[in-house]
Amino acid sequence: MVQQPELVNQKLNSMPVKDIRELARLSGVSNSGKHGDIAVRLINQDVSQIDAFIKGKYQEKVVERQAKIISDSDLITELGKVESIEWGVVQGQLDGKIQREYVRRYTKLNDLLKGVKNQLHSEITKYTVAAWYNHWSTVLIEDQISRHPNVVPTLKNIKGVDIFFSGYPFDLKITYLPRDYDLADAMDNPQNLARWLYEKQGPQRFGAENRLYVVVADTTDITQSWKIKRDISLLSQRIGSFLNSTTVNENDYISFVYGGRSYVSTCKILLITK
C-alpha cells in the first residue's frame, strides 16, 4: 500500500490549481504560491476532508457535463441506436491504410475519388461510429466507478492514475475479453488474465502502473460483448457490488515480464459477463 503522506500528496497533485486553492482556503490554510507550495501546507490535513472535497468537485463536473453536453439518459439512448460495431481498420492505423491503399495506389484522380466513395467512406464511417461508441460508453462506466462512495477520482489528467481505491492509485482500463482467451480461466483465475493483459500491451501504450480492469464478455457470443458497455443497469449493479465488497491485498500483486524486463504491479479485475 502507498504510505499515507504519499497517497495524500498524489490526491493533491490530481487537483487543478484553482481547486487546491479553494481547498486551502476552506481548510484555513494559506493558498498563496504555486501548486506545490499549497500542497505542502495541506499534506497533514484530514484525508477524509480532502476526499470529500475532491468527490464534490467531481460531481460538479459530472453535473456540468450532463447539463452542457448530454445527460446520462440521453447518452444511453444514443448508444442504444448503434446496431453493430465494425472498426474496419485497426485503431491508430487509419492514416497508414489511406496512404497504402489509396494515396500510393491510384495514379488517376477519378479512380482515387471512386475508390474513396465506394470503399473508404464506408470504412471511415464504421471506424468513427465504433470509436464514438467506445468513447462515450467508457465515459458512462468511468463515471459509475468514480462516483462510488469508496472511490476518490482525479480532477485532472495524470498519467497512470484515474482513481484512488482501498489506499492505492489505479489506472482505469475498460476492455473486452480477448477473443482467444478462455472465459472459464478468466473467471476462475483473474490474475492470469491480469498478467496476460499487461504482457500483451502494444509498445506505444506500455505501462506498469496499478490498474483496475473492467473486462466485459458475452458468454454466448463474444462478438456481441460491445453491447454490455451500454447496459447501464447491469454495469451499475456489478460495479457497485464489486466496489462494496472488494479490497486490495497482497493477492492482487502481479509480476510480469515485458521487453525482457520484470515488473510488479497491483491489479484488480472486474469481469462483467452476460
Foldseek 3Di string as FASTA:
>chain_A
DPDLLVLLLVQLVLDDLVLLLVVCVVVVHHSDDDSVVSSVRCSPPDVVSSLVSQLVVVVVVLVVCCVPPNNLVVLLVVLVVDDAADLLDDPPCLVVCCVVVAVVPDDDPVVSVVCCVPPVVVNVVNNVVNVVSVVSLVVLLLCLQCNAPQKRAGPHDDPQFGIDGQNFGADEAEEEDDPPDDPVCCVVPVLVVVQVVQAPDDPVPHDQEEYEYEYFAEPVDRSPRSVVSSVSVQSNVQSNVDRVPDHFDPVQWHWYDYPNDIGIYGYHYRYRYD
